[in-house]
């Protein structure tokens, strides 16, 4: 698929299929991940993307290096990170209402963004494969925990707009 699919695409409402571990390093999966990373880099406000957002119903998501740099709290650039077949191991009961958007939820008005406020757990731990087939655990707090939850929702056929307390549009500033 050439671009990010919109919220009206039925693939975004489906449970994504797991990637068989023996296929993780295949050319097909590698090409999907490269395509996801390329599209993510083209989105100035994008911090992550899930495979269903490019029309592939697979349990894969990529978090941009810029989001990981923000999470680490230093200026050292981080590479994009791929998570395949993520499994939630722990999630905190404490939730925060957070501001959230999505590359698949766009306004039909020019220079306008769609946002929502969603209650998300403050901390979580997942286990996932990377693009080399290595299985590891990843703990996240704050912004990264929010990203993990948003992307795992995509893999389960859920858009943030169905969980949002409030959805609203915001005009981009002329100076941006």
N, C-alpha and C. Protein backbone atom coordinates (compact mmCIF):
# COMPACT_ATOMS: atom_id res chain seq x y z
N UNK A 1 0.84 -1.17 0.00
CA UNK A 1 0.00 0.00 0.00
C UNK A 1 0.89 1.23 0.00
N UNK A 2 0.49 2.27 -0.72
CA UNK A 2 1.33 3.43 -0.93
C UNK A 2 1.25 4.48 0.18
N UNK A 3 0.15 4.56 0.89
CA UNK A 3 0.01 5.62 1.90
C UNK A 3 -0.67 5.09 3.15
N UNK A 4 -0.79 5.97 4.11
CA UNK A 4 -1.45 5.61 5.37
C UNK A 4 -2.95 5.55 5.13
N UNK A 5 -3.58 4.46 5.56
CA UNK A 5 -5.02 4.30 5.35
C UNK A 5 -5.80 5.18 6.32
N UNK A 6 -6.99 5.58 5.88
CA UNK A 6 -7.82 6.46 6.71
C UNK A 6 -8.74 5.64 7.60
N UNK A 7 -9.31 6.32 8.57
CA UNK A 7 -10.16 5.68 9.57
C UNK A 7 -11.34 4.93 8.98
N UNK A 8 -11.72 5.21 7.75
CA UNK A 8 -12.85 4.52 7.13
C UNK A 8 -12.46 3.14 6.57
N UNK A 9 -11.17 2.86 6.51
CA UNK A 9 -10.72 1.58 5.96
C UNK A 9 -11.04 0.45 6.95
N UNK A 10 -11.75 -0.60 6.51
CA UNK A 10 -12.14 -1.68 7.43
C UNK A 10 -10.96 -2.43 8.05
N UNK A 11 -9.77 -2.37 7.47
CA UNK A 11 -8.63 -3.08 8.05
C UNK A 11 -8.31 -2.55 9.46
N UNK A 12 -8.63 -1.27 9.70
CA UNK A 12 -8.36 -0.67 11.01
C UNK A 12 -9.31 -1.17 12.10
N UNK A 13 -10.35 -1.88 11.72
CA UNK A 13 -11.30 -2.42 12.69
C UNK A 13 -11.11 -3.92 12.91
N UNK A 14 -10.04 -4.49 12.34
CA UNK A 14 -9.79 -5.93 12.45
C UNK A 14 -8.67 -6.23 13.44
N UNK A 15 -8.74 -7.39 14.05
CA UNK A 15 -7.67 -7.91 14.89
C UNK A 15 -6.54 -8.32 13.95
N UNK A 16 -5.35 -7.78 14.12
CA UNK A 16 -4.23 -8.09 13.23
C UNK A 16 -3.64 -9.47 13.56
N UNK A 17 -3.19 -10.15 12.54
CA UNK A 17 -2.64 -11.50 12.68
C UNK A 17 -1.21 -11.45 13.21
N UNK A 18 -0.85 -12.41 14.06
CA UNK A 18 0.55 -12.47 14.51
C UNK A 18 1.47 -12.85 13.34
N UNK A 19 2.70 -12.39 13.45
CA UNK A 19 3.71 -12.77 12.47
C UNK A 19 4.36 -14.06 12.97
N UNK A 20 4.34 -15.14 12.19
CA UNK A 20 5.02 -16.36 12.64
C UNK A 20 6.49 -16.04 12.91
N UNK A 21 7.03 -16.44 14.06
CA UNK A 21 8.41 -16.10 14.41
C UNK A 21 9.43 -16.43 13.31
N UNK A 22 9.21 -17.52 12.60
CA UNK A 22 10.16 -17.88 11.55
C UNK A 22 10.10 -16.95 10.34
N UNK A 23 9.07 -16.12 10.25
CA UNK A 23 8.93 -15.17 9.13
C UNK A 23 9.39 -13.75 9.47
N UNK A 24 9.74 -13.51 10.73
CA UNK A 24 10.09 -12.15 11.15
C UNK A 24 11.23 -11.56 10.33
N UNK A 25 12.22 -12.36 9.99
CA UNK A 25 13.36 -11.84 9.23
C UNK A 25 13.22 -12.04 7.72
N UNK A 26 12.02 -12.40 7.27
CA UNK A 26 11.80 -12.62 5.83
C UNK A 26 11.82 -11.29 5.07
N UNK A 27 12.04 -11.40 3.77
CA UNK A 27 12.05 -10.21 2.91
C UNK A 27 10.70 -9.48 2.96
N UNK A 28 9.61 -10.24 3.01
CA UNK A 28 8.28 -9.62 3.05
C UNK A 28 8.12 -8.75 4.30
N UNK A 29 8.45 -9.26 5.45
CA UNK A 29 8.31 -8.50 6.70
C UNK A 29 9.30 -7.35 6.72
N UNK A 30 10.52 -7.59 6.27
CA UNK A 30 11.52 -6.52 6.21
C UNK A 30 11.02 -5.37 5.33
N UNK A 31 10.41 -5.69 4.17
CA UNK A 31 9.89 -4.65 3.27
C UNK A 31 8.75 -3.87 3.92
N UNK A 32 7.89 -4.56 4.64
CA UNK A 32 6.78 -3.89 5.34
C UNK A 32 7.34 -2.91 6.38
N UNK A 33 8.33 -3.34 7.15
CA UNK A 33 8.91 -2.49 8.18
C UNK A 33 9.60 -1.28 7.55
N UNK A 34 10.35 -1.48 6.49
CA UNK A 34 11.00 -0.36 5.81
C UNK A 34 9.96 0.64 5.32
N UNK A 35 8.87 0.13 4.76
CA UNK A 35 7.80 1.01 4.28
C UNK A 35 7.17 1.79 5.44
N UNK A 36 6.93 1.12 6.55
CA UNK A 36 6.37 1.79 7.73
C UNK A 36 7.30 2.91 8.21
N UNK A 37 8.58 2.62 8.29
CA UNK A 37 9.55 3.63 8.75
C UNK A 37 9.61 4.81 7.79
N UNK A 38 9.55 4.53 6.50
CA UNK A 38 9.59 5.59 5.49
C UNK A 38 8.38 6.51 5.64
N UNK A 39 7.19 5.92 5.74
CA UNK A 39 5.98 6.74 5.89
C UNK A 39 6.00 7.51 7.20
N UNK A 40 6.48 6.91 8.26
CA UNK A 40 6.55 7.58 9.56
C UNK A 40 7.48 8.79 9.50
N UNK A 41 8.60 8.66 8.83
CA UNK A 41 9.55 9.79 8.70
C UNK A 41 8.95 10.95 7.93
N UNK A 42 8.00 10.66 7.04
CA UNK A 42 7.37 11.72 6.24
C UNK A 42 6.30 12.49 7.00
N UNK A 43 5.97 12.05 8.20
CA UNK A 43 4.92 12.67 9.00
C UNK A 43 5.54 13.51 10.12
N UNK A 44 5.49 14.84 10.01
CA UNK A 44 6.15 15.68 11.02
C UNK A 44 5.64 15.46 12.45
N UNK A 45 4.37 15.13 12.62
CA UNK A 45 3.81 14.93 13.96
C UNK A 45 3.71 13.45 14.33
N UNK A 46 4.11 12.57 13.44
CA UNK A 46 3.99 11.14 13.69
C UNK A 46 5.06 10.63 14.64
N UNK A 47 4.64 9.83 15.63
CA UNK A 47 5.59 9.24 16.58
C UNK A 47 5.59 7.72 16.50
N UNK A 48 4.60 7.13 15.85
CA UNK A 48 4.54 5.68 15.72
C UNK A 48 3.54 5.33 14.62
N UNK A 49 3.66 4.10 14.14
CA UNK A 49 2.74 3.62 13.10
C UNK A 49 2.60 2.10 13.26
N UNK A 50 1.39 1.61 13.03
CA UNK A 50 1.12 0.18 13.10
C UNK A 50 0.89 -0.36 11.69
N UNK A 51 1.22 -1.63 11.47
CA UNK A 51 1.08 -2.24 10.15
C UNK A 51 -0.33 -2.09 9.56
N UNK A 52 -1.42 -2.22 10.35
CA UNK A 52 -2.73 -2.03 9.73
C UNK A 52 -2.90 -0.63 9.10
N UNK A 53 -2.15 0.34 9.60
CA UNK A 53 -2.26 1.69 9.04
C UNK A 53 -1.67 1.81 7.64
N UNK A 54 -0.92 0.80 7.21
CA UNK A 54 -0.44 0.79 5.83
C UNK A 54 -1.11 -0.32 5.03
N UNK A 55 -2.20 -0.85 5.59
CA UNK A 55 -2.98 -1.86 4.89
C UNK A 55 -2.51 -3.29 5.10
N UNK A 56 -1.65 -3.52 6.09
CA UNK A 56 -1.14 -4.86 6.38
C UNK A 56 -1.68 -5.30 7.74
N UNK A 57 -2.54 -6.30 7.77
CA UNK A 57 -3.14 -6.76 9.01
C UNK A 57 -2.19 -7.71 9.73
N UNK A 58 -1.11 -7.12 10.26
CA UNK A 58 -0.09 -7.87 10.98
C UNK A 58 0.23 -7.17 12.29
N UNK A 59 0.65 -7.93 13.29
CA UNK A 59 0.93 -7.39 14.62
C UNK A 59 2.35 -6.81 14.68
N UNK A 60 2.49 -5.68 14.03
CA UNK A 60 3.78 -4.96 13.98
C UNK A 60 3.50 -3.49 14.21
N UNK A 61 4.34 -2.85 15.03
CA UNK A 61 4.33 -1.39 15.06
C UNK A 61 5.75 -0.87 15.20
N UNK A 62 5.94 0.38 14.76
CA UNK A 62 7.24 1.04 14.80
C UNK A 62 7.07 2.33 15.59
N UNK A 63 8.00 2.58 16.52
CA UNK A 63 8.05 3.83 17.27
C UNK A 63 9.23 4.63 16.72
N UNK A 64 8.98 5.89 16.40
CA UNK A 64 10.04 6.72 15.82
C UNK A 64 11.14 7.01 16.83
N UNK A 65 12.33 7.19 16.30
CA UNK A 65 13.46 7.54 17.14
C UNK A 65 13.24 8.84 17.89
N UNK A 66 12.50 9.79 17.29
CA UNK A 66 12.27 11.07 17.98
C UNK A 66 11.42 10.87 19.23
N UNK A 67 10.49 9.94 19.21
CA UNK A 67 9.68 9.66 20.41
C UNK A 67 10.53 8.95 21.46
N UNK A 68 11.42 8.07 21.03
CA UNK A 68 12.29 7.36 21.96
C UNK A 68 13.31 8.30 22.59
N UNK A 69 13.79 9.27 21.83
CA UNK A 69 14.72 10.27 22.36
C UNK A 69 14.02 11.08 23.44
N UNK A 70 12.78 11.49 23.17
CA UNK A 70 12.00 12.25 24.15
C UNK A 70 11.81 11.41 25.42
N UNK A 71 11.53 10.12 25.25
CA UNK A 71 11.30 9.23 26.40
C UNK A 71 12.57 9.08 27.25
N UNK A 72 13.72 8.99 26.62
CA UNK A 72 14.97 8.83 27.36
C UNK A 72 15.37 10.11 28.08
N UNK A 73 14.88 11.26 27.62
CA UNK A 73 15.16 12.51 28.30
C UNK A 73 16.52 13.10 27.98
N UNK A 74 17.16 12.62 26.92
CA UNK A 74 18.40 13.27 26.50
C UNK A 74 18.33 13.57 25.02
N UNK A 75 19.34 14.22 24.50
CA UNK A 75 19.32 14.64 23.10
C UNK A 75 19.97 13.64 22.16
N UNK A 76 20.47 12.54 22.70
CA UNK A 76 21.11 11.54 21.84
C UNK A 76 20.06 10.92 20.92
N UNK A 77 20.25 11.06 19.60
CA UNK A 77 19.25 10.50 18.68
C UNK A 77 19.12 8.99 18.85
N UNK A 78 17.92 8.53 18.79
CA UNK A 78 17.62 7.10 18.90
C UNK A 78 17.13 6.60 17.54
N UNK A 79 17.43 5.36 17.19
CA UNK A 79 16.87 4.81 15.95
C UNK A 79 15.40 4.44 16.16
N UNK A 80 14.68 4.35 15.06
CA UNK A 80 13.32 3.83 15.13
C UNK A 80 13.39 2.42 15.69
N UNK A 81 12.35 2.02 16.44
CA UNK A 81 12.34 0.69 17.04
C UNK A 81 11.07 -0.05 16.60
N UNK A 82 11.25 -1.31 16.23
CA UNK A 82 10.15 -2.15 15.75
C UNK A 82 9.73 -3.14 16.83
N UNK A 83 8.42 -3.31 16.97
CA UNK A 83 7.84 -4.25 17.93
C UNK A 83 6.93 -5.19 17.16
N UNK A 84 7.19 -6.48 17.25
CA UNK A 84 6.43 -7.48 16.51
C UNK A 84 5.79 -8.44 17.51
N UNK A 85 4.51 -8.73 17.30
CA UNK A 85 3.72 -9.60 18.18
C UNK A 85 3.79 -9.16 19.64
N UNK A 86 3.54 -7.88 19.91
CA UNK A 86 3.64 -7.41 21.30
C UNK A 86 2.60 -8.07 22.20
N UNK A 87 3.04 -8.35 23.42
CA UNK A 87 2.17 -8.95 24.44
C UNK A 87 2.30 -8.08 25.69
N UNK A 88 1.18 -7.63 26.22
CA UNK A 88 1.20 -6.83 27.44
C UNK A 88 1.45 -7.75 28.63
N UNK A 89 2.51 -7.45 29.40
CA UNK A 89 2.85 -8.23 30.58
C UNK A 89 2.30 -7.58 31.85
N UNK A 90 2.40 -6.26 31.93
CA UNK A 90 1.91 -5.50 33.07
C UNK A 90 1.39 -4.17 32.59
N UNK A 91 0.37 -3.68 33.28
CA UNK A 91 -0.15 -2.34 32.98
C UNK A 91 -0.66 -1.75 34.28
N UNK A 92 -0.31 -0.51 34.53
CA UNK A 92 -0.69 0.11 35.80
C UNK A 92 -2.19 0.43 35.82
N UNK A 93 -2.73 0.41 37.00
CA UNK A 93 -4.15 0.79 37.16
C UNK A 93 -4.31 2.30 37.09
N UNK A 94 -3.26 3.02 37.50
CA UNK A 94 -3.30 4.47 37.48
C UNK A 94 -3.38 4.94 36.03
N UNK A 95 -4.37 5.77 35.77
CA UNK A 95 -4.57 6.28 34.41
C UNK A 95 -4.53 7.80 34.42
N UNK A 96 -4.11 8.32 33.28
CA UNK A 96 -4.08 9.77 33.08
C UNK A 96 -4.85 10.08 31.81
N UNK A 97 -5.53 11.21 31.82
CA UNK A 97 -6.20 11.66 30.61
C UNK A 97 -5.17 12.39 29.76
N UNK A 98 -4.94 11.88 28.55
CA UNK A 98 -3.86 12.38 27.70
C UNK A 98 -4.39 12.86 26.35
N UNK A 99 -3.70 13.80 25.78
CA UNK A 99 -3.97 14.37 24.46
C UNK A 99 -3.37 13.42 23.42
N UNK A 100 -4.14 13.09 22.39
CA UNK A 100 -3.68 12.07 21.45
C UNK A 100 -4.23 12.33 20.06
N UNK A 101 -3.45 11.96 19.06
CA UNK A 101 -3.88 12.04 17.67
C UNK A 101 -3.50 10.75 16.97
N UNK A 102 -3.77 10.68 15.67
CA UNK A 102 -3.51 9.45 14.92
C UNK A 102 -3.30 9.79 13.45
N UNK A 103 -2.33 9.13 12.84
CA UNK A 103 -2.05 9.36 11.42
C UNK A 103 -3.20 8.88 10.52
N UNK A 104 -4.07 8.02 11.02
CA UNK A 104 -5.20 7.52 10.23
C UNK A 104 -6.48 8.31 10.48
N UNK A 105 -6.47 9.21 11.44
CA UNK A 105 -7.66 10.01 11.75
C UNK A 105 -7.34 11.45 11.37
N UNK A 106 -7.83 11.85 10.22
CA UNK A 106 -7.51 13.17 9.66
C UNK A 106 -8.79 13.98 9.47
N UNK A 107 -8.64 15.28 9.57
CA UNK A 107 -9.75 16.18 9.29
C UNK A 107 -9.91 16.32 7.79
N UNK A 108 -11.12 16.57 7.34
CA UNK A 108 -11.30 16.86 5.91
C UNK A 108 -11.15 18.36 5.64
N UNK A 109 -10.87 19.13 6.69
CA UNK A 109 -10.61 20.56 6.54
C UNK A 109 -9.11 20.79 6.39
N UNK A 110 -8.72 21.69 5.50
CA UNK A 110 -7.28 21.93 5.31
C UNK A 110 -6.64 22.52 6.57
N UNK A 111 -5.38 22.17 6.78
CA UNK A 111 -4.58 22.70 7.90
C UNK A 111 -5.25 22.52 9.25
N UNK A 112 -5.98 21.39 9.41
CA UNK A 112 -6.68 21.11 10.66
C UNK A 112 -6.32 19.71 11.14
N UNK A 113 -6.04 19.60 12.43
CA UNK A 113 -5.70 18.32 13.04
C UNK A 113 -6.85 17.83 13.90
N UNK A 114 -6.97 16.51 14.05
CA UNK A 114 -7.98 15.91 14.91
C UNK A 114 -7.26 15.36 16.14
N UNK A 115 -7.75 15.72 17.32
CA UNK A 115 -7.18 15.29 18.59
C UNK A 115 -8.28 14.70 19.45
N UNK A 116 -7.87 13.99 20.47
CA UNK A 116 -8.81 13.49 21.46
C UNK A 116 -8.13 13.39 22.81
N UNK A 117 -8.93 13.28 23.85
CA UNK A 117 -8.39 13.03 25.18
C UNK A 117 -8.78 11.60 25.56
N UNK A 118 -7.77 10.81 25.89
CA UNK A 118 -7.95 9.38 26.15
C UNK A 118 -7.30 9.05 27.50
N UNK A 119 -7.98 8.25 28.31
CA UNK A 119 -7.38 7.79 29.55
C UNK A 119 -6.49 6.60 29.24
N UNK A 120 -5.23 6.75 29.60
CA UNK A 120 -4.23 5.71 29.35
C UNK A 120 -3.48 5.40 30.64
N UNK A 121 -3.07 4.15 30.77
CA UNK A 121 -2.25 3.74 31.90
C UNK A 121 -0.91 4.48 31.85
N UNK A 122 -0.40 4.83 33.03
CA UNK A 122 0.83 5.59 33.13
C UNK A 122 2.08 4.74 32.91
N UNK A 123 1.99 3.44 33.20
CA UNK A 123 3.14 2.55 33.06
C UNK A 123 2.69 1.22 32.45
N UNK A 124 3.60 0.60 31.73
CA UNK A 124 3.32 -0.74 31.22
C UNK A 124 4.60 -1.45 30.84
N UNK A 125 4.48 -2.75 30.70
CA UNK A 125 5.60 -3.58 30.25
C UNK A 125 5.06 -4.50 29.18
N UNK A 126 5.79 -4.59 28.07
CA UNK A 126 5.41 -5.50 27.00
C UNK A 126 6.58 -6.42 26.67
N UNK A 127 6.25 -7.51 26.00
CA UNK A 127 7.26 -8.40 25.43
C UNK A 127 6.97 -8.42 23.93
N UNK A 128 8.02 -8.27 23.13
CA UNK A 128 7.85 -8.26 21.68
C UNK A 128 9.15 -8.66 21.01
N UNK A 129 9.02 -9.12 19.78
CA UNK A 129 10.19 -9.39 18.95
C UNK A 129 10.62 -8.09 18.29
N UNK A 130 11.92 -7.97 18.00
CA UNK A 130 12.37 -6.86 17.16
C UNK A 130 12.47 -7.38 15.73
N UNK A 131 12.92 -6.54 14.83
CA UNK A 131 12.95 -6.93 13.42
C UNK A 131 14.03 -7.97 13.10
N UNK A 132 14.89 -8.28 14.08
CA UNK A 132 15.91 -9.32 13.90
C UNK A 132 15.47 -10.65 14.50
N UNK A 133 14.26 -10.67 15.08
CA UNK A 133 13.73 -11.90 15.66
C UNK A 133 14.11 -12.12 17.11
N UNK A 134 14.64 -11.08 17.78
CA UNK A 134 15.01 -11.20 19.18
C UNK A 134 13.82 -10.82 20.05
N UNK A 135 13.48 -11.68 20.99
CA UNK A 135 12.38 -11.44 21.91
C UNK A 135 12.92 -10.74 23.15
N UNK A 136 12.27 -9.62 23.54
CA UNK A 136 12.73 -8.86 24.71
C UNK A 136 11.54 -8.20 25.39
N UNK A 137 11.76 -7.82 26.65
CA UNK A 137 10.76 -7.08 27.42
C UNK A 137 11.11 -5.60 27.37
N UNK A 138 10.07 -4.76 27.34
CA UNK A 138 10.24 -3.31 27.26
C UNK A 138 9.31 -2.64 28.26
N UNK A 139 9.88 -1.90 29.19
CA UNK A 139 9.08 -1.13 30.15
C UNK A 139 8.92 0.28 29.63
N UNK A 140 7.77 0.88 29.89
CA UNK A 140 7.51 2.23 29.43
C UNK A 140 6.70 2.99 30.46
N UNK A 141 6.97 4.27 30.54
CA UNK A 141 6.19 5.18 31.38
C UNK A 141 5.79 6.38 30.54
N UNK A 142 4.79 7.10 31.01
CA UNK A 142 4.41 8.36 30.39
C UNK A 142 4.11 8.25 28.90
N UNK A 143 4.79 9.11 28.12
CA UNK A 143 4.54 9.22 26.69
C UNK A 143 4.74 7.90 25.95
N UNK A 144 5.81 7.18 26.28
CA UNK A 144 6.07 5.91 25.59
C UNK A 144 5.00 4.87 25.94
N UNK A 145 4.55 4.85 27.18
CA UNK A 145 3.46 3.94 27.57
C UNK A 145 2.19 4.27 26.78
N UNK A 146 1.94 5.56 26.60
CA UNK A 146 0.78 5.99 25.80
C UNK A 146 0.92 5.50 24.36
N UNK A 147 2.10 5.64 23.79
CA UNK A 147 2.33 5.18 22.41
C UNK A 147 2.10 3.68 22.32
N UNK A 148 2.68 2.91 23.24
CA UNK A 148 2.48 1.45 23.22
C UNK A 148 0.99 1.11 23.22
N UNK A 149 0.23 1.74 24.10
CA UNK A 149 -1.20 1.43 24.21
C UNK A 149 -1.94 1.81 22.94
N UNK A 150 -1.63 2.97 22.37
CA UNK A 150 -2.28 3.42 21.14
C UNK A 150 -2.00 2.43 20.00
N UNK A 151 -0.74 2.02 19.87
CA UNK A 151 -0.38 1.12 18.77
C UNK A 151 -0.93 -0.29 18.98
N UNK A 152 -0.91 -0.79 20.19
CA UNK A 152 -1.51 -2.10 20.46
C UNK A 152 -3.01 -2.05 20.20
N UNK A 153 -3.65 -0.93 20.51
CA UNK A 153 -5.07 -0.77 20.15
C UNK A 153 -5.25 -0.95 18.64
N UNK A 154 -4.36 -0.35 17.83
CA UNK A 154 -4.45 -0.52 16.38
C UNK A 154 -4.40 -2.00 16.01
N UNK A 155 -3.54 -2.76 16.67
CA UNK A 155 -3.39 -4.18 16.35
C UNK A 155 -4.62 -4.99 16.76
N UNK A 156 -5.43 -4.40 17.64
CA UNK A 156 -6.66 -5.06 18.09
C UNK A 156 -7.90 -4.47 17.43
N UNK A 157 -7.69 -3.64 16.42
CA UNK A 157 -8.81 -3.08 15.65
C UNK A 157 -9.53 -1.94 16.35
N UNK A 158 -8.82 -1.21 17.21
CA UNK A 158 -9.45 -0.13 17.98
C UNK A 158 -8.78 1.20 17.63
N UNK A 159 -9.59 2.19 17.28
CA UNK A 159 -9.08 3.55 17.07
C UNK A 159 -9.26 4.35 18.35
N UNK A 160 -8.36 5.28 18.60
CA UNK A 160 -8.43 6.07 19.83
C UNK A 160 -9.74 6.84 19.94
N UNK A 161 -10.35 7.16 18.82
CA UNK A 161 -11.59 7.94 18.85
C UNK A 161 -12.72 7.17 19.54
N UNK A 162 -12.63 5.83 19.56
CA UNK A 162 -13.68 5.05 20.24
C UNK A 162 -13.47 5.04 21.76
N UNK A 163 -12.28 5.44 22.23
CA UNK A 163 -11.99 5.49 23.66
C UNK A 163 -11.95 6.92 24.20
N UNK A 164 -11.94 7.87 23.30
CA UNK A 164 -11.73 9.27 23.69
C UNK A 164 -12.90 9.82 24.49
N UNK A 165 -12.55 10.58 25.52
CA UNK A 165 -13.55 11.31 26.30
C UNK A 165 -14.11 12.44 25.44
N UNK A 166 -13.23 12.98 24.62
CA UNK A 166 -13.60 14.12 23.79
C UNK A 166 -12.73 14.10 22.54
N UNK A 167 -13.31 14.36 21.38
CA UNK A 167 -12.58 14.48 20.12
C UNK A 167 -12.81 15.90 19.61
N UNK A 168 -11.74 16.54 19.16
CA UNK A 168 -11.87 17.92 18.70
C UNK A 168 -10.86 18.20 17.57
N UNK A 169 -11.13 19.28 16.86
CA UNK A 169 -10.23 19.68 15.77
C UNK A 169 -9.50 20.95 16.17
N UNK A 170 -8.29 21.10 15.62
CA UNK A 170 -7.48 22.26 15.94
C UNK A 170 -6.82 22.73 14.65
N UNK A 171 -6.94 24.00 14.36
CA UNK A 171 -6.32 24.59 13.19
C UNK A 171 -4.82 24.72 13.43
N UNK A 172 -4.04 24.33 12.43
CA UNK A 172 -2.59 24.50 12.54
C UNK A 172 -2.28 26.00 12.58
N UNK A 173 -1.32 26.39 13.40
CA UNK A 173 -0.95 27.80 13.44
C UNK A 173 -0.20 28.16 12.17
N UNK A 174 -0.29 29.40 11.78
CA UNK A 174 0.36 29.87 10.55
C UNK A 174 1.88 29.85 10.70
N UNK A 175 2.39 29.91 11.92
CA UNK A 175 3.83 29.94 12.12
C UNK A 175 4.45 28.55 12.13
N UNK A 176 3.63 27.50 12.18
CA UNK A 176 4.16 26.13 12.27
C UNK A 176 4.75 25.67 10.97
